[in-house]
C-alpha cells in the first residue's frame, strides 16, 4: 500500500472543496495534526473516516484507492515536454469552489466551531449546538437554523440571504455588516444580540423578544416586526423604509433622530384606548418622517412635537 499516493489524493480532495486542514478535521472529528499525517503519507484513516471523507469531498470511496484510475490523479504525474509550458499549465489549473456534499449538520454538537469564510448554501443546522461558533464572512445563502443554540456566535460579514432562524437562541450573537436579505428571525431569544452597520432588506423579525436587542447604524428596508416585543427598545438614529410595526409592543420605545419613510404602525384589532396610550409613550424627538407616516401617527395621538416632516 503506497500511503504517499493515498495522502496526495486526500490532500487533492480537500483542496477541491476549498477546505483547510483544520476545517476538514472539524468535520471528521479528528485533530488537524491527524489530517496532516494522512496527507504526508505517515498514516491513513480508518474505513469509517474514509467514508465520511468521501461524502465531504464528493468523490467515490474507491477514489482513495492507490490503483483507482482518476482524471484528478493526472495532475500528479511527472511533467513532460516543455518545462515552462507545463509549469504554466499547472499554475492555470484552478479548482472551483464546489458545493460540499454534506449539507446537513442537524442535531450536531458544533460549539465553538470554525466556519469562517466557508461557502455552504442550503445547509441545515437544525437542533444543533453552535454556541460561540464563528461564521464570519461565510456564505450561508438559503440555510436554516431551527431550534438551535447560536448564542455568542459571530456572523460578522456573513451572507444570510434567504436564511431561516426560527426558535433559536441568539443571545450575545454578533451581526456586524451582515447581509440580511429576506432573512427570517422568528420566535427567537435575542438578548444582547447586536446588529451594527447592517442593512436589513425584506427581513422578518417576528414573534420575538427584542427588548434587549442592540441596533446601531442600521437601515431597515421592508422589514416586518409583526407580533414582536420592542418595549423600551432604543432605535435612535436608525433608518426605516417601508417597515411594518404591526401588532408590535412599542411602549416607551425610542426613535429619536431616526428617519421614517412609509412606515406603518397598526393593530390587527380595533384601536383601543390601551393601544392609543402605548403609541403616546413612543419617543420621536428629532426624528424625520414623510407626510403619510406623520399623518398616521398623528391620527393615533403620538407626540410629534419635535418631528421634522420630509
Protein backbone atom coordinates (compact mmCIF):
# COMPACT_ATOMS: atom_id res chain seq x y z
CA UNK A 1 0.00 0.00 0.00
CA UNK A 2 1.51 3.32 -1.09
CA UNK A 3 0.46 5.71 1.65
CA UNK A 4 2.11 8.62 -0.19
CA UNK A 5 -0.30 8.27 -3.14
CA UNK A 6 -3.27 7.95 -0.80
CA UNK A 7 -2.08 11.00 1.12
CA UNK A 8 -1.80 13.00 -2.10
CA UNK A 9 -5.36 12.03 -3.01
CA UNK A 10 -6.65 13.12 0.40
CA UNK A 11 -4.91 16.49 0.02
CA UNK A 12 -6.26 16.91 -3.52
CA UNK A 13 -9.82 16.05 -2.42
CA UNK A 14 -9.60 18.52 0.47
CA UNK A 15 -8.36 21.37 -1.72
CA UNK A 16 -11.02 20.62 -4.31
CA UNK A 17 -13.75 21.55 -1.83
CA UNK A 18 -11.75 24.60 -0.73
CA UNK A 19 -11.14 23.47 2.87
CA UNK A 20 -8.21 23.93 5.20
CA UNK A 21 -6.82 21.01 7.16
CA UNK A 22 -8.39 22.46 10.30
CA UNK A 23 -11.83 22.75 8.67
CA UNK A 24 -11.70 19.18 7.39
CA UNK A 25 -10.54 17.94 10.78
CA UNK A 26 -13.52 19.64 12.43
CA UNK A 27 -15.96 17.84 10.15
CA UNK A 28 -14.22 14.49 10.67
CA UNK A 29 -13.93 14.94 14.45
CA UNK A 30 -10.16 14.48 14.39
CA UNK A 31 -7.23 16.78 15.01
CA UNK A 32 -5.65 18.91 12.25
CA UNK A 33 -2.40 17.06 13.00
CA UNK A 34 -4.09 13.78 12.04
CA UNK A 35 -5.10 15.21 8.67
CA UNK A 36 -1.55 16.43 8.15
CA UNK A 37 -0.16 12.95 8.80
CA UNK A 38 -2.59 11.40 6.31
CA UNK A 39 -1.61 13.87 3.60
CA UNK A 40 2.10 13.30 4.22
CA UNK A 41 1.55 9.54 3.98
CA UNK A 42 2.60 8.92 7.58
CA UNK A 43 -0.72 7.23 8.42
CA UNK A 44 -4.12 6.59 6.87
CA UNK A 45 -7.69 6.97 8.14
CA UNK A 46 -9.87 4.03 9.13
CA UNK A 47 -12.65 2.88 6.78
CA UNK A 48 -15.37 4.83 8.61
CA UNK A 49 -13.38 8.03 8.30
CA UNK A 50 -12.69 7.27 4.63
CA UNK A 51 -16.45 7.01 4.06
CA UNK A 52 -17.03 10.36 5.75
CA UNK A 53 -14.15 11.90 3.80
CA UNK A 54 -15.65 10.68 0.52
CA UNK A 55 -19.01 12.26 1.41
CA UNK A 56 -17.44 15.60 2.29
CA UNK A 57 -15.25 15.63 -0.83
CA UNK A 58 -17.99 14.47 -3.18
CA UNK A 59 -15.95 11.58 -4.55
CA UNK A 60 -16.41 7.82 -4.80
CA UNK A 61 -14.86 5.89 -1.92
CA UNK A 62 -12.71 3.99 -4.44
CA UNK A 63 -11.06 7.28 -5.40
CA UNK A 64 -8.76 6.90 -2.39
CA UNK A 65 -7.51 3.50 -3.60
CA UNK A 66 -3.93 3.76 -4.86
CA UNK A 67 -4.90 1.87 -8.04
CA UNK A 68 -8.10 3.77 -8.79
CA UNK A 69 -7.87 5.50 -12.22
CA UNK A 70 -8.94 9.09 -11.96
CA UNK A 71 -8.59 12.19 -14.08
CA UNK A 72 -7.65 14.01 -10.89
CA UNK A 73 -4.54 11.87 -10.44
CA UNK A 74 -3.18 13.03 -13.77
CA UNK A 75 -2.13 16.25 -12.08
CA UNK A 76 0.38 14.28 -10.01
CA UNK A 77 2.25 12.76 -12.99
CA UNK A 78 5.73 13.93 -13.79
CA UNK A 79 5.74 16.76 -16.33
CA UNK A 80 6.81 16.09 -19.89
CA UNK A 81 7.58 18.30 -22.87
CA UNK A 82 8.37 21.98 -22.49
CA UNK A 83 9.00 22.57 -18.76
CA UNK A 84 7.91 26.20 -18.94
CA UNK A 85 4.69 25.32 -20.77
CA UNK A 86 3.89 22.52 -18.31
CA UNK A 87 4.54 24.79 -15.34
CA UNK A 88 2.20 27.39 -16.82
CA UNK A 89 -0.49 24.78 -17.46
CA UNK A 90 -0.26 23.59 -13.86
CA UNK A 91 -0.43 27.14 -12.50
CA UNK A 92 -3.52 27.80 -14.64
CA UNK A 93 -5.38 24.87 -13.10
CA UNK A 94 -7.96 26.31 -10.77
CA UNK A 95 -10.04 24.15 -8.53
CA UNK A 96 -13.56 25.63 -8.39
CA UNK A 97 -15.20 26.08 -5.01
CA UNK A 98 -17.75 23.28 -5.23
CA UNK A 99 -20.77 22.95 -3.01
CA UNK A 100 -19.94 20.42 -0.26
CA UNK A 101 -21.83 17.15 -0.48
CA UNK A 102 -22.55 17.24 3.25
CA UNK A 103 -25.37 19.72 3.80
CA UNK A 104 -27.00 18.51 7.00
CA UNK A 105 -25.44 19.21 10.39
CA UNK A 106 -28.73 18.93 12.27
CA UNK A 107 -28.56 17.61 15.81
CA UNK A 108 -24.80 18.11 15.98
CA UNK A 109 -22.68 19.47 18.82
CA UNK A 110 -20.57 22.05 16.99
CA UNK A 111 -19.97 24.56 19.76
CA UNK A 112 -17.13 26.98 19.01
CA UNK A 113 -16.67 25.56 15.52
CA UNK A 114 -14.78 27.48 12.84
CA UNK A 115 -16.93 28.04 9.73
CA UNK A 116 -15.36 31.39 8.89
CA UNK A 117 -15.19 32.10 5.16
CA UNK A 118 -16.88 28.89 4.02
CA UNK A 119 -19.32 28.80 1.09
CA UNK A 120 -22.16 26.50 2.08
CA UNK A 121 -25.57 27.09 0.54
CA UNK A 122 -28.79 25.49 1.83
CA UNK A 123 -27.12 23.98 4.85
CA UNK A 124 -29.20 22.63 7.73
CA UNK A 125 -28.18 23.42 11.30
CA UNK A 126 -31.45 22.38 12.94
CA UNK A 127 -31.44 21.45 16.61
CA UNK A 128 -27.68 21.96 16.74
CA UNK A 129 -25.40 23.33 19.45
CA UNK A 130 -23.46 26.16 17.80
CA UNK A 131 -22.71 28.34 20.79
CA UNK A 132 -19.69 30.55 20.16
CA UNK A 133 -19.15 29.33 16.59
CA UNK A 134 -17.53 31.62 14.04
CA UNK A 135 -19.42 32.11 10.74
CA UNK A 136 -17.63 35.36 9.85
CA UNK A 137 -17.56 36.16 6.11
CA UNK A 138 -19.23 32.83 5.28
CA UNK A 139 -21.83 32.50 2.51
CA UNK A 140 -24.73 30.55 4.02
CA UNK A 141 -27.41 31.52 1.48
CA UNK A 142 -30.62 29.53 1.92
CA UNK A 143 -29.53 27.79 5.12
CA UNK A 144 -31.76 27.00 8.10
CA UNK A 145 -31.20 27.24 11.84
CA UNK A 146 -34.29 25.83 13.55
CA UNK A 147 -34.41 25.36 17.34
CA UNK A 148 -30.63 25.73 17.57
CA UNK A 149 -28.36 27.42 20.08
CA UNK A 150 -26.32 30.05 18.22
CA UNK A 151 -25.68 32.22 21.25
CA UNK A 152 -22.37 34.11 21.20
CA UNK A 153 -21.88 33.13 17.54
CA UNK A 154 -20.21 35.55 15.12
CA UNK A 155 -21.97 36.34 11.85
CA UNK A 156 -19.85 39.39 11.00
CA UNK A 157 -19.84 39.94 7.23
CA UNK A 158 -21.81 36.71 6.73
CA UNK A 159 -24.23 36.31 3.81
CA UNK A 160 -27.52 35.13 5.35
CA UNK A 161 -29.71 35.76 2.30
CA UNK A 162 -32.90 33.64 2.40
CA UNK A 163 -31.87 32.02 5.68
CA UNK A 164 -34.38 30.98 8.35
CA UNK A 165 -33.55 31.33 12.05
CA UNK A 166 -36.61 30.17 13.96
CA UNK A 167 -36.98 29.37 17.67
CA UNK A 168 -33.25 29.90 18.12
CA UNK A 169 -31.22 31.28 21.00
CA UNK A 170 -29.32 34.23 19.53
CA UNK A 171 -28.21 35.70 22.87
CA UNK A 172 -24.98 37.75 22.60
CA UNK A 173 -24.55 36.87 18.91
CA UNK A 174 -22.90 39.44 16.64
CA UNK A 175 -24.19 40.61 13.23
CA UNK A 176 -21.76 43.29 12.01
CA UNK A 177 -22.11 44.27 8.33
CA UNK A 178 -24.07 41.08 7.81
CA UNK A 179 -26.02 40.53 4.58
CA UNK A 180 -29.64 40.11 5.70
CA UNK A 181 -31.88 39.86 2.62
CA UNK A 182 -35.20 38.03 3.05
CA UNK A 183 -33.76 36.60 6.24
CA UNK A 184 -36.28 35.37 8.80
CA UNK A 185 -35.86 35.60 12.57
CA UNK A 186 -38.95 34.31 14.37
CA UNK A 187 -39.93 33.23 17.88
CA UNK A 188 -36.32 33.71 18.97
CA UNK A 189 -34.49 34.82 22.10
CA UNK A 190 -32.42 37.84 21.12
CA UNK A 191 -30.95 39.15 24.36
CA UNK A 192 -28.00 41.47 23.69
CA UNK A 193 -27.94 40.30 20.08
CA UNK A 194 -26.04 43.06 18.31
CA UNK A 195 -26.69 44.36 14.77
CA UNK A 196 -24.21 47.02 13.65
CA UNK A 197 -23.67 48.77 10.29
CA UNK A 198 -26.15 46.35 8.73
CA UNK A 199 -28.84 46.70 6.07
CA UNK A 200 -31.88 44.53 6.70
CA UNK A 201 -33.81 44.14 3.44
CA UNK A 202 -37.22 42.40 3.34
CA UNK A 203 -36.20 40.72 6.59
CA UNK A 204 -38.62 39.41 9.22
CA UNK A 205 -38.09 39.95 12.94
CA UNK A 206 -41.38 38.47 14.09
CA UNK A 207 -42.82 36.98 17.28
CA UNK A 208 -39.54 37.66 19.08
CA UNK A 209 -38.48 39.41 22.26
CA UNK A 210 -36.33 42.31 21.06
CA UNK A 211 -36.38 44.40 24.24
CA UNK A 212 -32.65 43.93 24.85
CA UNK A 213 -31.53 43.65 21.23
CA UNK A 214 -28.95 46.23 20.13
CA UNK A 215 -29.23 48.05 16.79
CA UNK A 216 -26.53 50.54 15.80
CA UNK A 217 -26.29 52.39 12.49
CA UNK A 218 -28.73 50.04 10.74
CA UNK A 219 -31.05 50.50 7.76
CA UNK A 220 -34.39 48.67 7.84
CA UNK A 221 -35.90 48.36 4.37
CA UNK A 222 -39.13 46.37 4.04
CA UNK A 223 -38.66 44.81 7.49
CA UNK A 224 -41.61 43.17 9.29
CA UNK A 225 -41.79 43.34 13.12
CA UNK A 226 -45.14 41.56 13.36
CA UNK A 227 -46.04 40.47 16.92
CA UNK A 228 -42.61 41.28 18.35
CA UNK A 229 -41.92 42.88 21.72
CA UNK A 230 -39.99 46.14 21.29
CA UNK A 231 -40.88 47.77 24.62
CA UNK A 232 -38.25 50.32 25.71
CA UNK A 233 -36.09 49.37 22.73
CA UNK A 234 -33.67 52.05 21.53
CA UNK A 235 -33.98 52.59 17.77
CA UNK A 236 -32.44 56.05 17.75
CA UNK A 237 -30.80 57.35 14.57
CA UNK A 238 -31.75 54.28 12.51
CA UNK A 239 -33.37 54.46 9.07
CA UNK A 240 -36.76 52.81 8.42
CA UNK A 241 -38.18 52.50 4.90
CA UNK A 242 -41.37 50.55 4.19
CA UNK A 243 -41.27 48.94 7.65
CA UNK A 244 -44.26 47.31 9.36
CA UNK A 245 -44.71 47.54 13.13
CA UNK A 246 -47.98 45.63 13.08
CA UNK A 247 -49.20 44.12 16.36
CA UNK A 248 -45.86 45.05 17.94
CA UNK A 249 -45.47 46.16 21.56
CA UNK A 250 -43.76 49.56 21.39
CA UNK A 251 -44.33 51.09 24.82
CA UNK A 252 -41.56 53.58 25.65
CA UNK A 253 -39.57 52.65 22.51
CA UNK A 254 -37.38 55.48 21.20
CA UNK A 255 -36.95 56.65 17.60
CA UNK A 256 -35.03 59.82 18.49
CA UNK A 257 -33.17 61.20 15.46
CA UNK A 258 -34.45 58.34 13.29
CA UNK A 259 -35.66 58.61 9.68
CA UNK A 260 -39.03 57.03 8.88
CA UNK A 261 -40.45 56.71 5.37
CA UNK A 262 -43.65 54.84 4.56
CA UNK A 263 -43.65 53.19 7.99
CA UNK A 264 -46.82 51.52 9.26
CA UNK A 265 -47.93 51.23 12.90
CA UNK A 266 -51.08 49.17 13.13
CA UNK A 267 -53.00 46.77 15.32
CA UNK A 268 -54.98 43.86 13.90
CA UNK A 269 -57.84 44.66 16.24
CA UNK A 270 -59.74 47.89 16.79
CA UNK A 271 -57.65 50.76 18.10
CA UNK A 272 -58.40 50.53 21.80
CA UNK A 273 -57.59 53.13 24.45
CA UNK A 274 -54.77 50.84 25.58
CA UNK A 275 -53.19 50.93 22.10
CA UNK A 276 -53.55 54.73 21.93
CA UNK A 277 -51.85 55.06 25.31
CA UNK A 278 -48.99 52.83 24.13
CA UNK A 279 -48.46 54.92 20.98
CA UNK A 280 -48.28 58.08 23.09
CA UNK A 281 -45.34 56.66 25.05
CA UNK A 282 -43.13 56.30 21.96
CA UNK A 283 -40.40 58.96 21.68
CA UNK A 284 -39.78 60.59 18.28
CA UNK A 285 -37.65 63.59 19.35
CA UNK A 286 -35.59 64.88 16.42
CA UNK A 287 -36.98 62.24 14.05
CA UNK A 288 -37.67 62.91 10.37
CA UNK A 289 -40.62 61.32 8.59
CA UNK A 290 -42.62 61.58 5.40
CA UNK A 291 -46.11 63.07 5.40
CA UNK A 292 -48.02 59.79 5.31
CA UNK A 293 -46.13 58.29 8.25
CA UNK A 294 -46.57 61.55 10.14
CA UNK A 295 -50.32 61.64 9.47
CA UNK A 296 -50.77 58.02 10.54
CA UNK A 297 -49.00 58.55 13.85
CA UNK A 298 -50.70 61.89 14.43
CA UNK A 299 -54.08 60.21 14.00
CA UNK A 300 -53.17 57.75 16.76
CA UNK A 301 -52.15 60.52 19.15
CA UNK A 302 -48.38 60.15 19.02
CA UNK A 303 -46.30 63.06 20.34
CA UNK A 304 -44.77 64.52 17.16
CA UNK A 305 -43.99 67.96 18.51
CA UNK A 306 -40.27 67.58 17.81
CA UNK A 307 -40.54 65.82 14.44
CA UNK A 308 -39.42 67.22 11.08
CA UNK A 309 -41.55 66.39 8.05
CA UNK A 310 -39.59 65.50 4.90
